[in-house]
Amino acid sequence: MRALAVTGRLAEGMVRVAVGGLADVLVMDVDVASFITPKMIRDAAPTGYDIILIPGTITADFGPVAAELETKIRLGPKHAVDLRRVLPLLDEVELSTTVPACLLLAERMRSEAWAAILELEAGAEAPLSIKGVKVGGACRMKVLAEIVDATRLDDAALAEKVRHYEREGADMIDLGIPLDAEPAAVARAVIVAKEATSLPVSVDSLRPDLLKAGIEAGCDLVLSLDGSNLEEVGPLAASAGVPAVVLPGPEASLAENLRRALALGVRAMADPVLNPPLQGLAESICRYREVHQAFLELPLFFGAGNVTELLDADSPGANALLASMGAEVGAAVLFTPEYSDKARGSIRELRRASEMILLAGARRSPPKDLGLDLLVLKEKHRRPEEEMPEEYVAVGAIRRDLGEVEVVVEEEGGGRGGGDIGVEFGGPRWEMDPAGSFRIGVAKGKIVVRHDAVTLVGTSARGLLGEIVSRGLVTRLDHAAYLGRELERAEIAIGLGRSYSQDEPLFPTKN
């Protein structure tokens, strides 16, 4: 397929490097490529091409020009550097007149990844099934999400927490039971959880009476059996057909407890116990491999939360690495609470990591370039920066003093041949908008905007600002600019699961 990439003067060099001989390049008489119009293409009248790629940021209708030239005109990627990934696929993918090629291809990769995951999971065999959820074998590692101190929550709060964890991607729900709980409270928690979800529900305790109460109430899994409770709870779990996670101790090895559990007829899952960082983490990973080799038929329980909860680092990368390590040592279940604020999102992250690892395993490759990722703050591909203009006014930081704002010019002039612009700019004082002020916050995943005249709630910063403008609630340009910035920060905070406070930095600027 013969292709033509159309661009402006500023991006010409970048485009020529990106196309790499896979397309011809047409440079229009305009600096910024996004400003290319249908008339410019019509006047240039390029011929002999099967497809003309225009920048993905253009929104004009090129349909009539395409008809006149009898050539397809399609949106290329938003950024010139991505042409190197789009051009080799022109024979395979039908590009769009409305969706930039980079977004179209990303969605295609995601769709193919999801389809592959479903197919792999459907065809996988597993040694254990818990309420229809496959555990172990060649299937995807399952995420077991713990609700800490579940019996301390009232029925409505517990049910909502269960549903929230299910929405986040949990495959199974674990009810963490405090030491002072009563059997009746455990039974109530199991009943409430099972009414709130169709996912398997487990009870997490070492007290025999609490585990027995959970089994009698209909739980689908118990955590955990060891030498202290095995003889009392094991027979009931076996007769009820409820699988159990088996721990080492007290005064007995994991292997010994596993053999005793199997002898009682328990459908066992082995937990070699993952140690926290600098508390034997590497040693415990080795222990997992040894247990897996000794009990190949038993699924392994991998307590990822033992690491993320005790590591002051962002959890997406930590959970991706933990899941990869777990896969290498034979883990079948990835266990995590979201107990601390820093670990929020761990359920979703481990679910995504397990999906990536399933795909990568089928492809026999590292977990990259799959169409799915756990990149949140860092980029897979950096976009090139613009060149610094020769002449400019450099504006410094904003100083705040008792609510007043002053913009400070730190320097004037510029780079090569720029010279001094000769502009003195002390900065305008912040003045109250006659239409009133706003208070912006976040509640239940939505942006809340309070004004004397009305309170607006939504999820889109652009939509909220448009509503504010249409209602005439802002009259000053500086105020509108401020609102746009704060609304966008609130939307980003929601997307990243971070807290938000008006006028405070979203991310730390110094470590």
Protein backbone atom coordinates (compact mmCIF):
# COMPACT_ATOMS: atom_id res chain seq x y z
CA MET A 1 0.00 0.00 0.00
CA ARG A 2 1.39 3.37 -1.03
CA ALA A 3 0.93 5.90 1.76
CA LEU A 4 1.42 9.64 2.14
CA ALA A 5 1.94 11.27 5.53
CA VAL A 6 0.92 14.94 5.62
CA THR A 7 2.48 17.27 8.19
CA GLY A 8 3.50 20.86 8.93
CA ARG A 9 6.90 22.54 8.95
CA LEU A 10 7.67 22.12 12.65
CA ALA A 11 7.16 18.35 12.65
CA GLU A 12 8.75 17.62 9.27
CA GLY A 13 12.01 16.24 10.62
CA MET A 14 10.26 14.07 13.18
CA VAL A 15 7.84 12.69 10.58
CA ARG A 16 10.59 11.84 8.09
CA VAL A 17 12.46 9.89 10.76
CA ALA A 18 9.30 8.11 11.93
CA VAL A 19 8.10 6.96 8.51
CA GLY A 20 11.46 5.37 7.78
CA GLY A 21 10.80 4.96 4.06
CA LEU A 22 7.38 3.34 4.62
CA ALA A 23 5.56 6.41 3.29
CA ASP A 24 6.11 9.61 1.38
CA VAL A 25 5.92 12.91 3.27
CA LEU A 26 4.03 16.02 2.18
CA VAL A 27 4.86 19.21 4.13
CA MET A 28 2.10 21.80 4.01
CA ASP A 29 2.57 25.58 4.18
CA VAL A 30 1.75 25.78 7.89
CA ASP A 31 3.89 25.50 11.01
CA VAL A 32 1.60 23.40 13.20
CA ALA A 33 0.32 20.21 11.58
CA SER A 34 -2.96 20.31 13.50
CA PHE A 35 -3.91 23.43 11.52
CA ILE A 36 -3.96 21.64 8.17
CA THR A 37 -7.31 22.17 6.42
CA PRO A 38 -9.19 20.24 3.72
CA LYS A 39 -8.54 23.13 1.31
CA MET A 40 -4.77 22.70 1.72
CA ILE A 41 -5.03 19.03 0.76
CA ARG A 42 -7.34 19.89 -2.14
CA ASP A 43 -4.89 22.53 -3.44
CA ALA A 44 -1.91 20.18 -3.08
CA ALA A 45 -3.84 17.49 -4.99
CA PRO A 46 -1.52 14.54 -4.23
CA THR A 47 -2.04 11.60 -6.59
CA GLY A 48 -0.95 7.99 -6.85
CA TYR A 49 -1.58 7.06 -3.21
CA ASP A 50 -3.80 4.42 -1.66
CA ILE A 51 -4.11 6.32 1.60
CA ILE A 52 -3.30 9.80 2.91
CA LEU A 53 -2.59 10.08 6.63
CA ILE A 54 -3.33 13.39 8.30
CA PRO A 55 -2.43 14.21 11.94
CA GLY A 56 -4.68 12.51 14.49
CA THR A 57 -5.42 15.81 16.24
CA ILE A 58 -7.34 17.23 13.25
CA THR A 59 -11.13 17.32 13.64
CA ALA A 60 -12.18 18.77 10.25
CA ASP A 61 -14.17 16.71 7.73
CA PHE A 62 -11.92 15.56 4.89
CA GLY A 63 -14.61 13.35 3.32
CA PRO A 64 -15.40 15.62 0.34
CA VAL A 65 -11.69 16.06 -0.48
CA ALA A 66 -11.13 12.30 -0.28
CA ALA A 67 -13.98 11.81 -2.74
CA GLU A 68 -12.53 14.39 -5.14
CA LEU A 69 -9.06 12.83 -4.99
CA GLU A 70 -10.50 9.29 -5.04
CA THR A 71 -8.10 8.46 -2.21
CA LYS A 72 -8.76 7.43 1.37
CA ILE A 73 -7.89 10.15 3.86
CA ARG A 74 -7.58 8.78 7.36
CA LEU A 75 -6.43 10.03 10.74
CA GLY A 76 -2.91 9.00 11.61
CA PRO A 77 -1.63 9.02 15.20
CA LYS A 78 -1.77 12.09 17.41
CA HIS A 79 2.01 12.15 17.70
CA ALA A 80 4.36 11.87 14.75
CA VAL A 81 6.65 9.43 16.54
CA ASP A 82 3.85 6.82 16.52
CA LEU A 83 3.82 6.66 12.73
CA ARG A 84 6.53 4.00 12.99
CA ARG A 85 4.02 1.72 14.73
CA VAL A 86 1.04 2.56 12.50
CA LEU A 87 2.52 2.34 9.00
CA PRO A 88 3.50 -1.36 9.10
CA LEU A 89 -0.12 -2.25 9.92
CA LEU A 90 -1.87 -0.39 7.11
CA ASP A 91 -2.57 -3.61 5.21
CA GLU A 92 -4.14 -5.20 8.29
CA VAL A 93 -6.14 -2.39 9.89
CA GLU A 94 -8.78 -0.09 8.49
CA LEU A 95 -8.01 3.33 9.93
CA SER A 96 -10.72 5.81 10.90
CA THR A 97 -11.81 9.25 9.79
CA THR A 98 -12.75 10.18 13.36
CA VAL A 99 -10.54 8.14 15.75
CA PRO A 100 -6.76 8.77 15.77
CA ALA A 101 -4.79 5.73 14.62
CA CYS A 102 -2.89 5.41 17.90
CA LEU A 103 -6.14 5.10 19.87
CA LEU A 104 -7.65 2.75 17.30
CA LEU A 105 -4.67 0.38 17.42
CA ALA A 106 -4.50 0.50 21.22
CA GLU A 107 -8.16 -0.50 21.40
CA ARG A 108 -7.55 -3.28 18.89
CA MET A 109 -4.69 -4.65 20.99
CA ARG A 110 -6.83 -4.50 24.12
CA SER A 111 -9.74 -6.28 22.44
CA GLU A 112 -7.45 -9.02 21.16
CA ALA A 113 -5.88 -9.37 24.60
CA TRP A 114 -9.27 -9.76 26.33
CA ALA A 115 -10.39 -12.33 23.77
CA ALA A 116 -7.19 -14.31 24.28
CA ILE A 117 -7.58 -14.21 28.07
CA LEU A 118 -11.12 -15.58 27.87
CA GLU A 119 -10.05 -18.33 25.51
CA LEU A 120 -7.05 -19.34 27.60
CA GLU A 121 -9.07 -19.40 30.81
CA ALA A 122 -11.88 -21.42 29.25
CA GLY A 123 -9.47 -24.06 28.00
CA ALA A 124 -7.32 -24.28 31.13
CA GLU A 125 -7.48 -27.27 33.44
CA ALA A 126 -7.22 -26.75 37.20
CA PRO A 127 -6.83 -29.14 40.13
CA LEU A 128 -9.28 -27.20 42.28
CA SER A 129 -12.58 -25.47 41.63
CA ILE A 130 -14.18 -23.22 44.25
CA LYS A 131 -17.78 -22.41 43.43
CA GLY A 132 -16.94 -22.60 39.73
CA VAL A 133 -13.74 -20.54 40.00
CA LYS A 134 -10.74 -22.46 38.68
CA VAL A 135 -7.72 -22.43 40.97
CA GLY A 136 -4.25 -23.68 40.05
CA GLY A 137 -2.98 -25.53 37.02
CA ALA A 138 -2.72 -23.56 33.79
CA CYS A 139 -5.47 -21.08 34.59
CA ARG A 140 -5.06 -17.45 35.56
CA MET A 141 -3.90 -16.71 39.10
CA LYS A 142 -6.97 -15.68 41.08
CA VAL A 143 -7.18 -12.62 43.32
CA LEU A 144 -8.51 -13.19 46.84
CA ALA A 145 -9.40 -9.83 48.41
CA GLU A 146 -9.54 -9.59 52.21
CA ILE A 147 -12.05 -7.45 54.06
CA VAL A 148 -10.21 -6.74 57.30
CA ASP A 149 -12.28 -7.08 60.51
CA ALA A 150 -15.36 -7.97 58.51
CA THR A 151 -17.50 -8.71 61.58
CA ARG A 152 -17.00 -5.14 62.85
CA LEU A 153 -18.91 -3.77 59.83
CA ASP A 154 -22.68 -3.47 59.80
CA ASP A 155 -24.57 -5.41 57.17
CA ALA A 156 -24.88 -2.54 54.68
CA ALA A 157 -21.21 -1.54 54.95
CA LEU A 158 -20.06 -5.14 54.59
CA ALA A 159 -22.25 -5.75 51.55
CA GLU A 160 -21.00 -2.56 49.89
CA LYS A 161 -17.37 -3.49 50.59
CA VAL A 162 -17.96 -6.91 49.01
CA ARG A 163 -19.53 -5.35 45.92
CA HIS A 164 -16.74 -2.77 45.69
CA TYR A 165 -14.06 -5.48 45.76
CA GLU A 166 -15.95 -7.42 43.10
CA ARG A 167 -16.06 -4.32 40.89
CA GLU A 168 -12.32 -3.87 41.43
CA GLY A 169 -11.68 -7.33 39.95
CA ALA A 170 -11.55 -9.73 42.90
CA ASP A 171 -12.15 -13.38 42.00
CA MET A 172 -12.92 -14.35 45.60
CA ILE A 173 -13.81 -12.44 48.79
CA ASP A 174 -12.10 -13.16 52.12
CA LEU A 175 -13.71 -12.19 55.41
CA GLY A 176 -10.95 -11.32 57.86
CA ILE A 177 -12.20 -12.15 61.35
CA PRO A 178 -10.83 -10.33 64.43
CA LEU A 179 -9.67 -12.40 67.39
CA ASP A 180 -12.50 -11.24 69.64
CA ALA A 181 -15.30 -12.13 67.21
CA GLU A 182 -18.19 -14.38 68.17
CA PRO A 183 -19.33 -17.38 66.06
CA ALA A 184 -22.73 -15.78 65.48
CA ALA A 185 -21.07 -12.67 64.04
CA VAL A 186 -19.02 -14.85 61.67
CA ALA A 187 -22.14 -16.64 60.48
CA ARG A 188 -23.88 -13.31 59.92
CA ALA A 189 -20.92 -11.95 57.92
CA VAL A 190 -20.86 -15.04 55.69
CA ILE A 191 -24.59 -14.79 55.00
CA VAL A 192 -24.39 -11.07 54.20
CA ALA A 193 -21.37 -11.52 51.92
CA LYS A 194 -22.92 -14.42 50.02
CA GLU A 195 -26.09 -12.42 49.47
CA ALA A 196 -24.02 -9.52 48.09
CA THR A 197 -21.98 -11.54 45.56
CA SER A 198 -21.90 -14.75 43.58
CA LEU A 199 -18.11 -14.96 44.08
CA PRO A 200 -16.65 -17.53 46.48
CA VAL A 201 -16.48 -16.26 50.08
CA SER A 202 -13.82 -17.38 52.57
CA VAL A 203 -13.49 -17.07 56.34
CA ASP A 204 -10.08 -16.07 57.67
CA SER A 205 -9.19 -17.10 61.24
CA LEU A 206 -7.26 -19.69 63.24
CA ARG A 207 -9.89 -20.08 65.96
CA PRO A 208 -11.63 -23.44 65.47
CA ASP A 209 -15.04 -22.22 66.65
CA LEU A 210 -14.99 -19.31 64.17
CA LEU A 211 -13.92 -21.48 61.25
CA LYS A 212 -16.62 -24.02 62.09
CA ALA A 213 -19.21 -21.25 62.27
CA GLY A 214 -18.12 -20.07 58.83
CA ILE A 215 -18.37 -23.55 57.34
CA GLU A 216 -21.80 -24.14 58.86
CA ALA A 217 -22.96 -20.77 57.48
CA GLY A 218 -21.94 -21.83 53.96
CA CYS A 219 -18.52 -20.29 53.31
CA ASP A 220 -16.68 -21.61 50.25
CA LEU A 221 -13.09 -21.60 51.60
CA VAL A 222 -11.40 -21.40 55.01
CA LEU A 223 -8.17 -19.66 55.94
CA SER A 224 -6.37 -21.28 57.64
CA LEU A 225 -5.67 -24.71 59.05
CA ASP A 226 -2.51 -25.54 61.00
CA GLY A 227 -1.47 -27.86 63.79
CA SER A 228 -3.57 -25.95 66.33
CA ASN A 229 -6.95 -26.48 64.67
CA LEU A 230 -6.48 -29.14 62.02
CA GLU A 231 -7.88 -32.09 63.95
CA GLU A 232 -10.96 -30.14 65.05
CA VAL A 233 -11.83 -28.27 61.88
CA GLY A 234 -10.34 -30.56 59.20
CA PRO A 235 -13.03 -33.28 59.35
CA LEU A 236 -15.85 -30.72 59.12
CA ALA A 237 -14.19 -28.98 56.15
CA ALA A 238 -13.68 -32.34 54.45
CA SER A 239 -17.26 -33.52 54.97
CA ALA A 240 -18.63 -30.16 53.78
CA GLY A 241 -16.34 -30.17 50.74
CA VAL A 242 -14.94 -26.77 51.73
CA PRO A 243 -11.31 -26.27 50.60
CA ALA A 244 -8.83 -24.99 53.18
CA VAL A 245 -5.55 -23.08 53.11
CA VAL A 246 -2.94 -24.91 55.20
CA LEU A 247 -0.17 -23.11 57.12
CA PRO A 248 3.01 -24.35 58.80
CA GLY A 249 3.15 -24.57 62.62
CA PRO A 250 2.83 -24.61 65.44
CA GLU A 251 5.71 -27.04 65.96
CA ALA A 252 4.95 -28.69 62.64
CA SER A 253 6.24 -28.06 59.13
CA LEU A 254 3.97 -27.12 56.26
CA ALA A 255 4.64 -30.51 54.68
CA GLU A 256 3.53 -32.29 57.85
CA ASN A 257 0.33 -30.25 58.12
CA LEU A 258 -0.46 -30.76 54.45
CA ARG A 259 -0.13 -34.53 54.76
CA ARG A 260 -2.38 -34.55 57.82
CA ALA A 261 -4.97 -32.41 56.03
CA LEU A 262 -4.93 -34.62 52.94
CA ALA A 263 -5.27 -37.71 55.12
CA LEU A 264 -8.43 -36.18 56.61
CA GLY A 265 -9.83 -35.66 53.12
CA VAL A 266 -9.37 -31.88 53.08
CA ARG A 267 -9.14 -30.20 49.68
CA ALA A 268 -5.97 -28.36 50.59
CA MET A 269 -4.18 -25.27 49.33
CA ALA A 270 -0.62 -24.69 50.56
CA ASP A 271 0.59 -21.40 52.06
CA PRO A 272 4.39 -21.38 52.59
CA VAL A 273 3.94 -17.77 53.89
CA LEU A 274 5.44 -14.84 51.99
CA ASN A 275 7.69 -12.81 54.28
CA PRO A 276 7.85 -8.98 54.24
CA PRO A 277 10.76 -7.10 52.61
CA LEU A 278 14.01 -7.39 54.60
CA GLN A 279 12.30 -9.93 56.84
CA GLY A 280 13.13 -13.00 54.76
CA LEU A 281 11.32 -12.18 51.49
CA ALA A 282 13.91 -13.84 49.23
CA GLU A 283 14.14 -16.88 51.50
CA SER A 284 10.36 -17.30 51.45
CA ILE A 285 10.31 -17.16 47.65
CA CYS A 286 12.76 -20.08 47.64
CA ARG A 287 10.49 -21.88 50.11
CA TYR A 288 7.54 -21.47 47.73
CA ARG A 289 9.46 -23.18 44.95
CA GLU A 290 10.40 -26.07 47.23
CA VAL A 291 6.80 -26.59 48.38
CA HIS A 292 5.53 -26.41 44.81
CA GLN A 293 7.99 -29.06 43.69
CA ALA A 294 7.07 -31.32 46.62
CA PHE A 295 3.29 -30.92 46.19
CA LEU A 296 2.80 -30.31 42.48
CA GLU A 297 -0.90 -31.17 42.64
CA LEU A 298 -1.72 -28.54 45.29
CA PRO A 299 -2.44 -24.88 44.49
CA LEU A 300 -0.20 -22.34 46.24
CA PHE A 301 -1.51 -19.39 48.24
CA PHE A 302 0.63 -16.24 47.74
CA GLY A 303 0.18 -13.42 50.29
CA ALA A 304 1.17 -10.43 48.16
CA GLY A 305 -0.28 -8.07 50.76
CA ASN A 306 2.48 -9.08 53.18
CA VAL A 307 4.81 -7.08 50.94
CA THR A 308 2.74 -4.15 49.64
CA GLU A 309 1.35 -3.28 53.07
CA LEU A 310 4.88 -3.17 54.52
CA LEU A 311 6.58 -1.30 51.68
CA ASP A 312 6.34 2.48 51.31
CA ALA A 313 6.34 2.45 47.53
CA ASP A 314 3.67 2.81 44.86
CA SER A 315 1.81 -0.47 44.58
CA PRO A 316 1.24 -0.98 40.80
CA GLY A 317 4.84 -1.92 40.01
CA ALA A 318 5.25 -3.83 43.27
CA ASN A 319 2.13 -5.88 42.58
CA ALA A 320 3.18 -6.57 38.99
CA LEU A 321 6.57 -7.85 40.16
CA LEU A 322 5.02 -9.88 43.01
CA ALA A 323 2.57 -11.51 40.62
CA SER A 324 5.41 -12.35 38.22
CA MET A 325 7.42 -13.90 41.05
CA GLY A 326 4.36 -15.76 42.22
CA ALA A 327 3.80 -17.20 38.76
CA GLU A 328 7.38 -18.44 38.58
CA VAL A 329 7.06 -20.35 41.88
CA GLY A 330 3.66 -21.83 41.04
CA ALA A 331 1.26 -19.50 42.86
CA ALA A 332 -2.44 -20.03 42.17
CA VAL A 333 -4.03 -17.41 44.46
CA LEU A 334 -2.85 -13.83 44.98
CA PHE A 335 -4.06 -12.65 48.37
CA THR A 336 -4.30 -8.99 49.34
CA PRO A 337 -6.15 -6.66 51.64
CA GLU A 338 -6.42 -2.99 50.87
CA TYR A 339 -5.91 -2.12 54.50
CA SER A 340 -3.68 0.95 54.22
CA ASP A 341 -4.34 3.96 52.01
CA LYS A 342 -1.14 3.37 50.04
CA ALA A 343 -2.35 -0.13 49.08
CA ARG A 344 -5.66 1.01 47.64
CA GLY A 345 -6.00 -0.34 44.12
CA SER A 346 -4.04 -3.50 44.87
CA ILE A 347 -6.98 -5.73 43.96
CA ARG A 348 -7.31 -4.11 40.54
CA GLU A 349 -3.55 -4.14 40.05
CA LEU A 350 -3.12 -7.81 40.92
CA ARG A 351 -6.05 -8.72 38.67
CA ARG A 352 -4.43 -6.87 35.76
CA ALA A 353 -1.05 -8.42 36.55
CA SER A 354 -2.56 -11.90 36.56
CA GLU A 355 -4.12 -11.26 33.16
CA MET A 356 -0.84 -9.97 31.75
CA ILE A 357 1.01 -13.02 33.06
CA LEU A 358 -1.54 -15.42 31.59
CA LEU A 359 -1.07 -13.81 28.16
CA ALA A 360 2.71 -13.63 28.47
CA GLY A 361 2.87 -17.28 29.50
CA ALA A 362 0.88 -18.32 26.44
CA ARG A 363 3.22 -16.27 24.24
CA ARG A 364 6.31 -17.44 26.12
CA SER A 365 7.48 -13.86 26.47
CA PRO A 366 8.02 -11.32 29.23
CA PRO A 367 4.84 -9.43 30.21
CA LYS A 368 5.22 -6.49 27.82
CA ASP A 369 3.61 -5.33 24.55
CA LEU A 370 0.46 -7.28 25.40
CA GLY A 371 -2.19 -4.62 24.92
CA LEU A 372 -2.60 -4.54 28.71
CA ASP A 373 -0.28 -2.88 31.19
CA LEU A 374 0.08 -1.48 34.69
CA LEU A 375 1.69 1.79 33.67
CA VAL A 376 0.03 4.53 35.69
CA LEU A 377 2.41 7.44 36.16
CA LYS A 378 5.24 6.44 33.83
CA GLU A 379 5.00 6.16 30.06
CA LYS A 380 5.78 3.26 27.80
CA HIS A 381 6.75 5.67 25.01
CA ARG A 382 7.72 9.27 25.72
CA ARG A 383 6.48 11.88 23.27
CA PRO A 384 9.09 14.27 21.92
CA GLU A 385 9.21 17.73 23.45
CA GLU A 386 8.70 20.87 21.44
CA GLU A 387 11.73 22.92 20.56
CA MET A 388 12.32 25.93 22.77
CA PRO A 389 11.30 29.13 20.90
CA GLU A 390 13.98 31.71 20.30
CA GLU A 391 12.01 34.54 21.87
CA TYR A 392 9.83 34.18 24.93
CA VAL A 393 8.87 35.61 28.30
CA ALA A 394 9.80 33.20 31.10
CA VAL A 395 7.19 33.24 33.86
CA GLY A 396 8.21 31.96 37.28
CA ALA A 397 6.41 30.41 40.20
CA ILE A 398 3.25 31.72 41.77
CA ARG A 399 3.64 33.36 45.16
CA ARG A 400 0.70 33.09 47.54
CA ASP A 401 0.21 35.57 50.37
CA LEU A 402 -2.97 35.53 52.44
CA GLY A 403 -5.00 34.29 49.52
CA GLU A 404 -3.58 36.74 46.99
CA VAL A 405 -1.62 35.48 44.02
CA GLU A 406 1.22 37.21 42.21
CA VAL A 407 2.84 35.85 39.05
CA VAL A 408 6.56 36.55 39.04
CA VAL A 409 8.69 36.82 35.91
CA GLU A 410 12.04 35.24 36.69
CA GLU A 411 13.76 36.09 33.44
CA GLU A 412 13.07 37.64 30.08
CA GLY A 413 14.36 36.92 26.64
CA GLY A 414 15.40 33.55 25.38
CA GLY A 415 17.88 31.36 23.66
CA ARG A 416 19.79 31.82 20.43
CA GLY A 417 19.46 35.40 19.19
CA GLY A 418 16.43 35.98 21.40
CA GLY A 419 17.69 39.03 23.25
CA ASP A 420 15.57 40.85 25.80
CA ILE A 421 11.94 41.35 25.06
CA GLY A 422 11.95 44.36 27.37
CA VAL A 423 8.68 43.45 29.08
CA GLU A 424 8.19 44.31 32.74
CA PHE A 425 5.50 42.21 34.35
CA GLY A 426 4.84 42.36 38.05
CA GLY A 427 1.78 40.13 37.86
CA PRO A 428 -1.88 40.85 38.54
CA ARG A 429 -3.31 40.63 42.02
CA TRP A 430 -5.90 37.91 42.53
CA GLU A 431 -9.36 39.48 42.69
CA MET A 432 -12.65 37.92 43.73
CA ASP A 433 -14.94 37.09 40.81
CA PRO A 434 -18.12 39.20 41.05
CA ALA A 435 -20.10 36.07 40.17
CA GLY A 436 -18.87 34.33 43.33
CA SER A 437 -16.31 31.75 44.41
CA PHE A 438 -16.20 27.95 44.27
CA ARG A 439 -15.25 25.12 46.58
CA ILE A 440 -14.12 21.98 44.79
CA GLY A 441 -13.93 18.54 46.34
CA VAL A 442 -14.27 14.83 45.57
CA ALA A 443 -16.94 12.43 46.88
CA LYS A 444 -17.65 8.83 45.89
CA GLY A 445 -15.66 9.03 42.68
CA LYS A 446 -17.24 12.29 41.50
CA ILE A 447 -16.18 15.94 41.44
CA VAL A 448 -18.30 18.16 43.70
CA VAL A 449 -18.36 21.88 42.85
CA ARG A 450 -20.08 24.13 45.39
CA HIS A 451 -21.16 27.68 44.53
CA ASP A 452 -23.57 30.04 46.30
CA ALA A 453 -26.03 29.60 43.43
CA VAL A 454 -25.77 25.84 42.81
CA THR A 455 -23.84 22.65 43.60
CA LEU A 456 -22.67 20.70 40.56
CA VAL A 457 -21.54 17.05 40.56
CA GLY A 458 -19.90 15.20 37.70
CA THR A 459 -16.94 13.17 36.52
CA SER A 460 -15.68 15.35 33.67
CA ALA A 461 -13.66 18.50 34.33
CA ARG A 462 -14.48 19.77 30.86
CA GLY A 463 -18.19 19.10 31.30
CA LEU A 464 -18.31 20.82 34.68
CA LEU A 465 -16.43 23.87 33.44
CA GLY A 466 -18.76 24.10 30.46
CA GLU A 467 -21.77 24.03 32.77
CA ILE A 468 -20.20 26.74 34.97
CA VAL A 469 -19.61 28.97 31.96
CA SER A 470 -23.09 28.36 30.49
CA ARG A 471 -24.69 29.32 33.82
CA GLY A 472 -22.67 32.54 33.96
CA LEU A 473 -21.03 31.57 37.25
CA VAL A 474 -17.60 32.84 36.18
CA THR A 475 -16.85 36.25 34.67
CA ARG A 476 -13.07 36.67 35.02
CA LEU A 477 -10.57 34.96 32.72
CA ASP A 478 -8.12 34.34 35.56
CA HIS A 479 -10.87 32.71 37.61
CA ALA A 480 -11.93 30.50 34.67
CA ALA A 481 -8.34 29.43 34.15
CA TYR A 482 -8.01 28.61 37.84
CA LEU A 483 -11.23 26.57 37.83
CA GLY A 484 -10.13 24.61 34.78
CA ARG A 485 -6.86 23.72 36.47
CA GLU A 486 -8.44 22.65 39.74
CA LEU A 487 -11.22 20.64 38.07
CA GLU A 488 -8.67 18.81 35.95
CA ARG A 489 -6.59 18.00 39.04
CA ALA A 490 -9.70 16.63 40.75
CA GLU A 491 -10.48 14.44 37.73
CA ILE A 492 -6.90 13.11 37.67
CA ALA A 493 -7.07 12.39 41.41
CA ILE A 494 -10.21 10.30 40.92
CA GLY A 495 -8.66 8.40 38.02
CA LEU A 496 -5.56 7.56 40.06
CA GLY A 497 -7.43 6.83 43.28
CA ARG A 498 -5.66 9.67 45.08
CA SER A 499 -7.16 12.10 47.56
CA TYR A 500 -7.76 15.69 46.47
CA SER A 501 -7.69 18.99 48.31
CA GLN A 502 -8.22 22.28 46.54
CA ASP A 503 -5.06 24.35 46.04
CA GLU A 504 -2.79 21.57 47.31
CA PRO A 505 -0.32 19.72 45.02
CA LEU A 506 -1.62 16.44 43.67
CA PHE A 507 1.84 14.85 43.67
CA PRO A 508 4.88 15.50 45.85
CA THR A 509 7.30 17.78 44.02
CA LYS A 510 10.30 16.72 46.11
CA ASN A 511 11.37 13.40 47.59
